[in-house]
Amino acid sequence: MIRWSPTAPARPACPHRRLTRLLGAELGEGFALGNSTLRPWASANFVGARHLFRCSGSSFEARALQDRLAAVEWRLPGHIVADLSVEALSPDEFTVEILTVED
């Protein structure tokens, strides 16, 4: 098993950049993407990554936003969105965490 390292390169065909563009488009006007991080993830049966995006935007409801983003059909060649969560940090800041697994 390969251990995670902040200096290790992403796996080939990692969908992080594509996911960043798709999330920005799905959030739409009034929202801004901030910094994002990627952390490789694995279980006994799957290999993937956890993608964490800091976002900002006024007048959002975390649960409604999570439901809307969870209904999106993410097009990530070779990867599947396995889980998605939205967590409010303040009235105008939140994080979106997306777990992808290799298909």
PDB file of N, CA and C in Angstrom:
ATOM      1  N   MET A   1       0.845  -1.184   0.000  1.00  0.00           N
ATOM      2  CA  MET A   1       0.000   0.000   0.000  1.00  0.00           C
ATOM      3  C   MET A   1       0.883   1.239   0.000  1.00  0.00           C
ATOM      4  N   ILE A   2       0.531   2.207  -0.840  1.00  0.00           N
ATOM      5  CA  ILE A   2       1.272   3.455  -0.925  1.00  0.00           C
ATOM      6  C   ILE A   2       0.716   4.410   0.117  1.00  0.00           C
ATOM      7  N   ARG A   3       1.598   4.969   0.933  1.00  0.00           N
ATOM      8  CA  ARG A   3       1.160   5.918   1.952  1.00  0.00           C
ATOM      9  C   ARG A   3       0.944   7.289   1.322  1.00  0.00           C
ATOM     10  N   TRP A   4      -0.014   8.023   1.885  1.00  0.00           N
ATOM     11  CA  TRP A   4      -0.291   9.366   1.393  1.00  0.00           C
ATOM     12  C   TRP A   4       0.796  10.314   1.841  1.00  0.00           C
ATOM     13  N   SER A   5       1.146  11.250   0.995  1.00  0.00           N
ATOM     14  CA  SER A   5       2.122  12.272   1.309  1.00  0.00           C
ATOM     15  C   SER A   5       1.698  13.558   0.620  1.00  0.00           C
ATOM     16  N   PRO A   6       1.862  14.711   1.286  1.00  0.00           N
ATOM     17  CA  PRO A   6       1.476  15.963   0.637  1.00  0.00           C
ATOM     18  C   PRO A   6       2.335  16.276  -0.576  1.00  0.00           C
ATOM     19  N   THR A   7       3.495  15.640  -0.694  1.00  0.00           N
ATOM     20  CA  THR A   7       4.369  15.886  -1.834  1.00  0.00           C
ATOM     21  C   THR A   7       4.214  14.837  -2.926  1.00  0.00           C
ATOM     22  N   ALA A   8       3.440  13.791  -2.660  1.00  0.00           N
ATOM     23  CA  ALA A   8       3.247  12.741  -3.660  1.00  0.00           C
ATOM     24  C   ALA A   8       2.357  13.258  -4.785  1.00  0.00           C
ATOM     25  N   PRO A   9       2.674  12.909  -6.026  1.00  0.00           N
ATOM     26  CA  PRO A   9       1.822  13.356  -7.133  1.00  0.00           C
ATOM     27  C   PRO A   9       0.482  12.636  -7.114  1.00  0.00           C
ATOM     28  N   ALA A  10      -0.499  13.257  -7.707  1.00  0.00           N
ATOM     29  CA  ALA A  10      -1.819  12.641  -7.808  1.00  0.00           C
ATOM     30  C   ALA A  10      -1.739  11.433  -8.738  1.00  0.00           C
ATOM     31  N   ARG A  11      -2.643  10.499  -8.562  1.00  0.00           N
ATOM     32  CA  ARG A  11      -2.691   9.317  -9.426  1.00  0.00           C
ATOM     33  C   ARG A  11      -3.018   9.739 -10.853  1.00  0.00           C
ATOM     34  N   PRO A  12      -2.617   8.938 -11.825  1.00  0.00           N
ATOM     35  CA  PRO A  12      -2.942   9.272 -13.214  1.00  0.00           C
ATOM     36  C   PRO A  12      -4.451   9.444 -13.387  1.00  0.00           C
ATOM     37  N   ALA A  13      -4.805  10.392 -14.208  1.00  0.00           N
ATOM     38  CA  ALA A  13      -6.205  10.673 -14.533  1.00  0.00           C
ATOM     39  C   ALA A  13      -7.029  11.091 -13.316  1.00  0.00           C
ATOM     40  N   CYS A  14      -6.401  11.691 -12.327  1.00  0.00           N
ATOM     41  CA  CYS A  14      -7.123  12.176 -11.156  1.00  0.00           C
ATOM     42  C   CYS A  14      -8.123  13.248 -11.604  1.00  0.00           C
ATOM     43  N   PRO A  15      -9.369  13.158 -11.166  1.00  0.00           N
ATOM     44  CA  PRO A  15     -10.407  14.071 -11.656  1.00  0.00           C
ATOM     45  C   PRO A  15     -10.494  15.413 -10.925  1.00  0.00           C
ATOM     46  N   HIS A  16      -9.503  15.778 -10.107  1.00  0.00           N
ATOM     47  CA  HIS A  16      -9.627  16.969  -9.261  1.00  0.00           C
ATOM     48  C   HIS A  16      -9.859  18.246 -10.073  1.00  0.00           C
ATOM     49  N   ARG A  17      -9.082  18.465 -11.116  1.00  0.00           N
ATOM     50  CA  ARG A  17      -9.258  19.693 -11.910  1.00  0.00           C
ATOM     51  C   ARG A  17     -10.626  19.727 -12.588  1.00  0.00           C
ATOM     52  N   ARG A  18     -11.027  18.602 -13.150  1.00  0.00           N
ATOM     53  CA  ARG A  18     -12.339  18.542 -13.805  1.00  0.00           C
ATOM     54  C   ARG A  18     -13.451  18.751 -12.780  1.00  0.00           C
ATOM     55  N   LEU A  19     -13.305  18.140 -11.610  1.00  0.00           N
ATOM     56  CA  LEU A  19     -14.295  18.288 -10.547  1.00  0.00           C
ATOM     57  C   LEU A  19     -14.378  19.742 -10.092  1.00  0.00           C
ATOM     58  N   THR A  20     -13.248  20.434 -10.045  1.00  0.00           N
ATOM     59  CA  THR A  20     -13.235  21.856  -9.676  1.00  0.00           C
ATOM     60  C   THR A  20     -14.057  22.670 -10.668  1.00  0.00           C
ATOM     61  N   ARG A  21     -13.852  22.423 -11.958  1.00  0.00           N
ATOM     62  CA  ARG A  21     -14.609  23.158 -12.986  1.00  0.00           C
ATOM     63  C   ARG A  21     -16.100  22.827 -12.914  1.00  0.00           C
ATOM     64  N   LEU A  22     -16.430  21.544 -12.766  1.00  0.00           N
ATOM     65  CA  LEU A  22     -17.832  21.140 -12.706  1.00  0.00           C
ATOM     66  C   LEU A  22     -18.531  21.716 -11.476  1.00  0.00           C
ATOM     67  N   LEU A  23     -17.849  21.697 -10.324  1.00  0.00           N
ATOM     68  CA  LEU A  23     -18.442  22.235  -9.102  1.00  0.00           C
ATOM     69  C   LEU A  23     -18.675  23.731  -9.244  1.00  0.00           C
ATOM     70  N   GLY A  24     -17.708  24.441  -9.812  1.00  0.00           N
ATOM     71  CA  GLY A  24     -17.874  25.880 -10.028  1.00  0.00           C
ATOM     72  C   GLY A  24     -19.089  26.186 -10.893  1.00  0.00           C
ATOM     73  N   ALA A  25     -19.294  25.381 -11.929  1.00  0.00           N
ATOM     74  CA  ALA A  25     -20.445  25.568 -12.808  1.00  0.00           C
ATOM     75  C   ALA A  25     -21.754  25.236 -12.083  1.00  0.00           C
ATOM     76  N   GLU A  26     -21.749  24.194 -11.267  1.00  0.00           N
ATOM     77  CA  GLU A  26     -22.958  23.789 -10.546  1.00  0.00           C
ATOM     78  C   GLU A  26     -23.333  24.785  -9.452  1.00  0.00           C
ATOM     79  N   LEU A  27     -22.335  25.388  -8.806  1.00  0.00           N
ATOM     80  CA  LEU A  27     -22.637  26.371  -7.762  1.00  0.00           C
ATOM     81  C   LEU A  27     -23.301  27.597  -8.360  1.00  0.00           C
ATOM     82  N   GLY A  28     -22.824  28.027  -9.511  1.00  0.00           N
ATOM     83  CA  GLY A  28     -23.442  29.147 -10.218  1.00  0.00           C
ATOM     84  C   GLY A  28     -23.095  30.502  -9.644  1.00  0.00           C
ATOM     85  N   GLU A  29     -23.851  31.500 -10.090  1.00  0.00           N
ATOM     86  CA  GLU A  29     -23.626  32.883  -9.671  1.00  0.00           C
ATOM     87  C   GLU A  29     -23.881  33.055  -8.186  1.00  0.00           C
ATOM     88  N   GLY A  30     -23.118  33.961  -7.587  1.00  0.00           N
ATOM     89  CA  GLY A  30     -23.280  34.233  -6.166  1.00  0.00           C
ATOM     90  C   GLY A  30     -22.408  33.367  -5.280  1.00  0.00           C
ATOM     91  N   PHE A  31     -21.745  32.376  -5.865  1.00  0.00           N
ATOM     92  CA  PHE A  31     -20.852  31.502  -5.107  1.00  0.00           C
ATOM     93  C   PHE A  31     -19.448  31.581  -5.695  1.00  0.00           C
ATOM     94  N   ALA A  32     -18.459  31.422  -4.849  1.00  0.00           N
ATOM     95  CA  ALA A  32     -17.067  31.445  -5.298  1.00  0.00           C
ATOM     96  C   ALA A  32     -16.320  30.265  -4.702  1.00  0.00           C
ATOM     97  N   LEU A  33     -15.511  29.620  -5.537  1.00  0.00           N
ATOM     98  CA  LEU A  33     -14.648  28.544  -5.055  1.00  0.00           C
ATOM     99  C   LEU A  33     -13.367  29.152  -4.520  1.00  0.00           C
ATOM    100  N   GLY A  34     -12.936  28.681  -3.377  1.00  0.00           N
ATOM    101  CA  GLY A  34     -11.668  29.111  -2.806  1.00  0.00           C
ATOM    102  C   GLY A  34     -10.628  28.023  -3.008  1.00  0.00           C
ATOM    103  N   ASN A  35      -9.800  27.831  -2.010  1.00  0.00           N
ATOM    104  CA  ASN A  35      -8.774  26.794  -2.075  1.00  0.00           C
ATOM    105  C   ASN A  35      -9.404  25.413  -2.078  1.00  0.00           C
ATOM    106  N   SER A  36      -8.701  24.483  -2.722  1.00  0.00           N
ATOM    107  CA  SER A  36      -9.160  23.101  -2.704  1.00  0.00           C
ATOM    108  C   SER A  36      -7.976  22.199  -2.403  1.00  0.00           C
ATOM    109  N   THR A  37      -8.272  21.074  -1.783  1.00  0.00           N
ATOM    110  CA  THR A  37      -7.235  20.094  -1.483  1.00  0.00           C
ATOM    111  C   THR A  37      -7.709  18.720  -1.929  1.00  0.00           C
ATOM    112  N   LEU A  38      -6.748  17.862  -2.097  1.00  0.00           N
ATOM    113  CA  LEU A  38      -7.001  16.502  -2.545  1.00  0.00           C
ATOM    114  C   LEU A  38      -6.205  15.572  -1.662  1.00  0.00           C
ATOM    115  N   ARG A  39      -6.854  14.518  -1.211  1.00  0.00           N
ATOM    116  CA  ARG A  39      -6.153  13.533  -0.393  1.00  0.00           C
ATOM    117  C   ARG A  39      -6.517  12.138  -0.896  1.00  0.00           C
ATOM    118  N   PRO A  40      -5.524  11.358  -1.313  1.00  0.00           N
ATOM    119  CA  PRO A  40      -5.810   9.993  -1.748  1.00  0.00           C
ATOM    120  C   PRO A  40      -6.549   9.215  -0.655  1.00  0.00           C
ATOM    121  N   TRP A  41      -7.410   8.314  -1.078  1.00  0.00           N
ATOM    122  CA  TRP A  41      -8.243   7.544  -0.164  1.00  0.00           C
ATOM    123  C   TRP A  41      -8.334   6.118  -0.693  1.00  0.00           C
ATOM    124  N   ALA A  42      -8.396   5.158   0.202  1.00  0.00           N
ATOM    125  CA  ALA A  42      -8.555   3.763  -0.214  1.00  0.00           C
ATOM    126  C   ALA A  42      -9.269   2.982   0.877  1.00  0.00           C
ATOM    127  N   SER A  43     -10.008   1.978   0.442  1.00  0.00           N
ATOM    128  CA  SER A  43     -10.631   1.027   1.360  1.00  0.00           C
ATOM    129  C   SER A  43     -10.149  -0.349   0.924  1.00  0.00           C
ATOM    130  N   ALA A  44     -10.716  -1.380   1.493  1.00  0.00           N
ATOM    131  CA  ALA A  44     -10.308  -2.735   1.111  1.00  0.00           C
ATOM    132  C   ALA A  44     -10.635  -3.029  -0.350  1.00  0.00           C
ATOM    133  N   ASN A  45     -11.674  -2.382  -0.890  1.00  0.00           N
ATOM    134  CA  ASN A  45     -12.118  -2.694  -2.242  1.00  0.00           C
ATOM    135  C   ASN A  45     -11.973  -1.575  -3.256  1.00  0.00           C
ATOM    136  N   PHE A  46     -11.761  -0.335  -2.798  1.00  0.00           N
ATOM    137  CA  PHE A  46     -11.781   0.799  -3.712  1.00  0.00           C
ATOM    138  C   PHE A  46     -10.571   1.698  -3.507  1.00  0.00           C
ATOM    139  N   VAL A  47     -10.219   2.413  -4.569  1.00  0.00           N
ATOM    140  CA  VAL A  47      -9.163   3.424  -4.534  1.00  0.00           C
ATOM    141  C   VAL A  47      -9.775   4.707  -5.076  1.00  0.00           C
ATOM    142  N   GLY A  48      -9.480   5.804  -4.435  1.00  0.00           N
ATOM    143  CA  GLY A  48     -10.031   7.072  -4.889  1.00  0.00           C
ATOM    144  C   GLY A  48      -9.365   8.230  -4.203  1.00  0.00           C
ATOM    145  N   ALA A  49     -10.138   9.300  -4.018  1.00  0.00           N
ATOM    146  CA  ALA A  49      -9.598  10.506  -3.386  1.00  0.00           C
ATOM    147  C   ALA A  49     -10.720  11.285  -2.726  1.00  0.00           C
ATOM    148  N   ARG A  50     -10.335  12.039  -1.693  1.00  0.00           N
ATOM    149  CA  ARG A  50     -11.241  12.970  -1.032  1.00  0.00           C
ATOM    150  C   ARG A  50     -10.879  14.363  -1.534  1.00  0.00           C
ATOM    151  N   HIS A  51     -11.851  15.068  -2.068  1.00  0.00           N
ATOM    152  CA  HIS A  51     -11.652  16.407  -2.623  1.00  0.00           C
ATOM    153  C   HIS A  51     -12.395  17.379  -1.712  1.00  0.00           C
ATOM    154  N   LEU A  52     -11.677  18.331  -1.143  1.00  0.00           N
ATOM    155  CA  LEU A  52     -12.266  19.295  -0.222  1.00  0.00           C
ATOM    156  C   LEU A  52     -12.165  20.690  -0.836  1.00  0.00           C
ATOM    157  N   PHE A  53     -13.304  21.348  -0.977  1.00  0.00           N
ATOM    158  CA  PHE A  53     -13.376  22.673  -1.586  1.00  0.00           C
ATOM    159  C   PHE A  53     -13.919  23.674  -0.576  1.00  0.00           C
ATOM    160  N   ARG A  54     -13.191  24.769  -0.363  1.00  0.00           N
ATOM    161  CA  ARG A  54     -13.701  25.871   0.458  1.00  0.00           C
ATOM    162  C   ARG A  54     -14.449  26.801  -0.480  1.00  0.00           C
ATOM    163  N   CYS A  55     -15.632  27.184  -0.083  1.00  0.00           N
ATOM    164  CA  CYS A  55     -16.480  28.011  -0.934  1.00  0.00           C
ATOM    165  C   CYS A  55     -17.077  29.155  -0.120  1.00  0.00           C
ATOM    166  N   SER A  56     -17.539  30.157  -0.831  1.00  0.00           N
ATOM    167  CA  SER A  56     -18.231  31.251  -0.160  1.00  0.00           C
ATOM    168  C   SER A  56     -19.424  31.664  -1.006  1.00  0.00           C
ATOM    169  N   GLY A  57     -20.387  32.210  -0.343  1.00  0.00           N
ATOM    170  CA  GLY A  57     -21.592  32.670  -1.021  1.00  0.00           C
ATOM    171  C   GLY A  57     -22.620  33.074   0.015  1.00  0.00           C
ATOM    172  N   SER A  58     -23.368  34.095  -0.300  1.00  0.00           N
ATOM    173  CA  SER A  58     -24.370  34.548   0.654  1.00  0.00           C
ATOM    174  C   SER A  58     -25.687  33.825   0.435  1.00  0.00           C
ATOM    175  N   SER A  59     -26.462  33.798   1.446  1.00  0.00           N
ATOM    176  CA  SER A  59     -27.809  33.208   1.461  1.00  0.00           C
ATOM    177  C   SER A  59     -27.866  31.805   0.863  1.00  0.00           C
ATOM    178  N   PHE A  60     -27.172  30.881   1.510  1.00  0.00           N
ATOM    179  CA  PHE A  60     -27.263  29.488   1.097  1.00  0.00           C
ATOM    180  C   PHE A  60     -27.745  28.669   2.276  1.00  0.00           C
ATOM    181  N   GLU A  61     -28.380  27.565   1.997  1.00  0.00           N
ATOM    182  CA  GLU A  61     -28.851  26.624   3.005  1.00  0.00           C
ATOM    183  C   GLU A  61     -28.073  25.344   2.762  1.00  0.00           C
ATOM    184  N   ALA A  62     -27.250  24.935   3.730  1.00  0.00           N
ATOM    185  CA  ALA A  62     -26.334  23.812   3.540  1.00  0.00           C
ATOM    186  C   ALA A  62     -27.056  22.535   3.106  1.00  0.00           C
ATOM    187  N   ARG A  63     -28.152  22.216   3.743  1.00  0.00           N
ATOM    188  CA  ARG A  63     -28.859  20.969   3.412  1.00  0.00           C
ATOM    189  C   ARG A  63     -29.435  21.010   1.998  1.00  0.00           C
ATOM    190  N   ALA A  64     -30.030  22.148   1.619  1.00  0.00           N
ATOM    191  CA  ALA A  64     -30.592  22.290   0.275  1.00  0.00           C
ATOM    192  C   ALA A  64     -29.489  22.229  -0.778  1.00  0.00           C
ATOM    193  N   LEU A  65     -28.355  22.871  -0.498  1.00  0.00           N
ATOM    194  CA  LEU A  65     -27.226  22.834  -1.426  1.00  0.00           C
ATOM    195  C   LEU A  65     -26.682  21.411  -1.551  1.00  0.00           C
ATOM    196  N   GLN A  66     -26.571  20.709  -0.444  1.00  0.00           N
ATOM    197  CA  GLN A  66     -26.090  19.324  -0.479  1.00  0.00           C
ATOM    198  C   GLN A  66     -27.041  18.455  -1.302  1.00  0.00           C
ATOM    199  N   ASP A  67     -28.333  18.605  -1.105  1.00  0.00           N
ATOM    200  CA  ASP A  67     -29.313  17.830  -1.869  1.00  0.00           C
ATOM    201  C   ASP A  67     -29.213  18.133  -3.365  1.00  0.00           C
ATOM    202  N   ARG A  68     -29.033  19.411  -3.703  1.00  0.00           N
ATOM    203  CA  ARG A  68     -28.935  19.804  -5.112  1.00  0.00           C
ATOM    204  C   ARG A  68     -27.672  19.230  -5.750  1.00  0.00           C
ATOM    205  N   LEU A  69     -26.537  19.330  -5.054  1.00  0.00           N
ATOM    206  CA  LEU A  69     -25.279  18.804  -5.597  1.00  0.00           C
ATOM    207  C   LEU A  69     -25.275  17.277  -5.655  1.00  0.00           C
ATOM    208  N   ALA A  70     -25.934  16.631  -4.701  1.00  0.00           N
ATOM    209  CA  ALA A  70     -25.992  15.170  -4.700  1.00  0.00           C
ATOM    210  C   ALA A  70     -26.812  14.642  -5.874  1.00  0.00           C
ATOM    211  N   ALA A  71     -27.741  15.438  -6.377  1.00  0.00           N
ATOM    212  CA  ALA A  71     -28.575  15.017  -7.502  1.00  0.00           C
ATOM    213  C   ALA A  71     -27.878  15.183  -8.857  1.00  0.00           C
ATOM    214  N   VAL A  72     -26.741  15.863  -8.867  1.00  0.00           N
ATOM    215  CA  VAL A  72     -26.015  16.101 -10.117  1.00  0.00           C
ATOM    216  C   VAL A  72     -25.395  14.797 -10.609  1.00  0.00           C
ATOM    217  N   GLU A  73     -25.447  14.582 -11.917  1.00  0.00           N
ATOM    218  CA  GLU A  73     -24.756  13.442 -12.511  1.00  0.00           C
ATOM    219  C   GLU A  73     -23.375  13.930 -12.930  1.00  0.00           C
ATOM    220  N   TRP A  74     -22.389  13.692 -12.067  1.00  0.00           N
ATOM    221  CA  TRP A  74     -21.020  14.146 -12.308  1.00  0.00           C
ATOM    222  C   TRP A  74     -20.400  13.298 -13.407  1.00  0.00           C
ATOM    223  N   ARG A  75     -19.869  13.923 -14.428  1.00  0.00           N
ATOM    224  CA  ARG A  75     -19.245  13.205 -15.534  1.00  0.00           C
ATOM    225  C   ARG A  75     -17.735  13.237 -15.346  1.00  0.00           C
ATOM    226  N   LEU A  76     -17.224  12.164 -14.745  1.00  0.00           N
ATOM    227  CA  LEU A  76     -15.795  12.037 -14.464  1.00  0.00           C
ATOM    228  C   LEU A  76     -15.312  10.720 -15.074  1.00  0.00           C
ATOM    229  N   PRO A  77     -14.736  10.761 -16.266  1.00  0.00           N
ATOM    230  CA  PRO A  77     -14.298   9.527 -16.916  1.00  0.00           C
ATOM    231  C   PRO A  77     -13.377   8.696 -16.012  1.00  0.00           C
ATOM    232  N   GLY A  78     -13.758   7.439 -15.794  1.00  0.00           N
ATOM    233  CA  GLY A  78     -12.956   6.531 -14.985  1.00  0.00           C
ATOM    234  C   GLY A  78     -13.155   6.659 -13.490  1.00  0.00           C
ATOM    235  N   HIS A  79     -14.063   7.547 -13.063  1.00  0.00           N
ATOM    236  CA  HIS A  79     -14.294   7.782 -11.642  1.00  0.00           C
ATOM    237  C   HIS A  79     -15.786   7.924 -11.369  1.00  0.00           C
ATOM    238  N   ILE A  80     -16.172   7.638 -10.144  1.00  0.00           N
ATOM    239  CA  ILE A  80     -17.551   7.768  -9.698  1.00  0.00           C
ATOM    240  C   ILE A  80     -17.565   8.604  -8.427  1.00  0.00           C
ATOM    241  N   VAL A  81     -18.536   9.508  -8.312  1.00  0.00           N
ATOM    242  CA  VAL A  81     -18.720  10.252  -7.061  1.00  0.00           C
ATOM    243  C   VAL A  81     -19.465   9.329  -6.101  1.00  0.00           C
ATOM    244  N   ALA A  82     -18.778   8.923  -5.041  1.00  0.00           N
ATOM    245  CA  ALA A  82     -19.346   7.975  -4.080  1.00  0.00           C
ATOM    246  C   ALA A  82     -20.067   8.671  -2.937  1.00  0.00           C
ATOM    247  N   ASP A  83     -19.634   9.888  -2.588  1.00  0.00           N
ATOM    248  CA  ASP A  83     -20.245  10.598  -1.470  1.00  0.00           C
ATOM    249  C   ASP A  83     -19.995  12.089  -1.643  1.00  0.00           C
ATOM    250  N   LEU A  84     -20.901  12.887  -1.109  1.00  0.00           N
ATOM    251  CA  LEU A  84     -20.776  14.334  -1.186  1.00  0.00           C
ATOM    252  C   LEU A  84     -21.389  14.924   0.068  1.00  0.00           C
ATOM    253  N   SER A  85     -20.710  15.891   0.671  1.00  0.00           N
ATOM    254  CA  SER A  85     -21.262  16.561   1.846  1.00  0.00           C
ATOM    255  C   SER A  85     -20.946  18.049   1.798  1.00  0.00           C
ATOM    256  N   VAL A  86     -21.854  18.834   2.361  1.00  0.00           N
ATOM    257  CA  VAL A  86     -21.695  20.289   2.470  1.00  0.00           C
ATOM    258  C   VAL A  86     -21.741  20.628   3.948  1.00  0.00           C
ATOM    259  N   GLU A  87     -20.755  21.394   4.403  1.00  0.00           N
ATOM    260  CA  GLU A  87     -20.709  21.785   5.816  1.00  0.00           C
ATOM    261  C   GLU A  87     -20.552  23.299   5.915  1.00  0.00           C
ATOM    262  N   ALA A  88     -21.468  23.939   6.631  1.00  0.00           N
ATOM    263  CA  ALA A  88     -21.402  25.382   6.825  1.00  0.00           C
ATOM    264  C   ALA A  88     -20.314  25.711   7.840  1.00  0.00           C
ATOM    265  N   LEU A  89     -19.478  26.683   7.498  1.00  0.00           N
ATOM    266  CA  LEU A  89     -18.431  27.156   8.413  1.00  0.00           C
ATOM    267  C   LEU A  89     -18.847  28.461   9.076  1.00  0.00           C
ATOM    268  N   SER A  90     -19.563  29.275   8.359  1.00  0.00           N
ATOM    269  CA  SER A  90     -20.081  30.552   8.852  1.00  0.00           C
ATOM    270  C   SER A  90     -21.286  30.896   7.971  1.00  0.00           C
ATOM    271  N   PRO A  91     -21.952  32.010   8.233  1.00  0.00           N
ATOM    272  CA  PRO A  91     -23.122  32.342   7.408  1.00  0.00           C
ATOM    273  C   PRO A  91     -22.822  32.478   5.915  1.00  0.00           C
ATOM    274  N   ASP A  92     -21.575  32.787   5.556  1.00  0.00           N
ATOM    275  CA  ASP A  92     -21.274  32.944   4.129  1.00  0.00           C
ATOM    276  C   ASP A  92     -20.103  32.086   3.655  1.00  0.00           C
ATOM    277  N   GLU A  93     -19.671  31.112   4.440  1.00  0.00           N
ATOM    278  CA  GLU A  93     -18.600  30.200   4.039  1.00  0.00           C
ATOM    279  C   GLU A  93     -18.992  28.757   4.317  1.00  0.00           C
ATOM    280  N   PHE A  94     -18.574  27.869   3.430  1.00  0.00           N
ATOM    281  CA  PHE A  94     -18.881  26.458   3.604  1.00  0.00           C
ATOM    282  C   PHE A  94     -17.843  25.610   2.880  1.00  0.00           C
ATOM    283  N   THR A  95     -17.828  24.325   3.186  1.00  0.00           N
ATOM    284  CA  THR A  95     -16.957  23.394   2.481  1.00  0.00           C
ATOM    285  C   THR A  95     -17.815  22.360   1.769  1.00  0.00           C
ATOM    286  N   VAL A  96     -17.320  21.913   0.647  1.00  0.00           N
ATOM    287  CA  VAL A  96     -17.929  20.817  -0.092  1.00  0.00           C
ATOM    288  C   VAL A  96     -16.871  19.718  -0.148  1.00  0.00           C
ATOM    289  N   GLU A  97     -17.191  18.539   0.366  1.00  0.00           N
ATOM    290  CA  GLU A  97     -16.279  17.414   0.315  1.00  0.00           C
ATOM    291  C   GLU A  97     -16.879  16.351  -0.597  1.00  0.00           C
ATOM    292  N   ILE A  98     -16.082  15.925  -1.573  1.00  0.00           N
ATOM    293  CA  ILE A  98     -16.535  14.935  -2.538  1.00  0.00           C
ATOM    294  C   ILE A  98     -15.567  13.754  -2.519  1.00  0.00           C
ATOM    295  N   LEU A  99     -16.114  12.569  -2.335  1.00  0.00           N
ATOM    296  CA  LEU A  99     -15.315  11.355  -2.370  1.00  0.00           C
ATOM    297  C   LEU A  99     -15.516  10.705  -3.732  1.00  0.00           C
ATOM    298  N   THR A 100     -14.403  10.520  -4.453  1.00  0.00           N
ATOM    299  CA  THR A 100     -14.470   9.826  -5.739  1.00  0.00           C
ATOM    300  C   THR A 100     -13.741   8.501  -5.634  1.00  0.00           C
ATOM    301  N   VAL A 101     -14.208   7.517  -6.374  1.00  0.00           N
ATOM    302  CA  VAL A 101     -13.545   6.223  -6.450  1.00  0.00           C
ATOM    303  C   VAL A 101     -13.320   5.888  -7.913  1.00  0.00           C
ATOM    304  N   GLU A 102     -12.240   5.145  -8.167  1.00  0.00           N
ATOM    305  CA  GLU A 102     -11.939   4.752  -9.526  1.00  0.00           C
ATOM    306  C   GLU A 102     -12.941   3.704  -9.981  1.00  0.00           C
ATOM    307  N   ASP A 103     -13.399   3.857 -11.210  1.00  0.00           N
ATOM    308  CA  ASP A 103     -14.395   2.966 -11.779  1.00  0.00           C
ATOM    309  C   ASP A 103     -13.732   1.701 -12.325  1.00  0.00           C
TER     310      ASP A 103
END
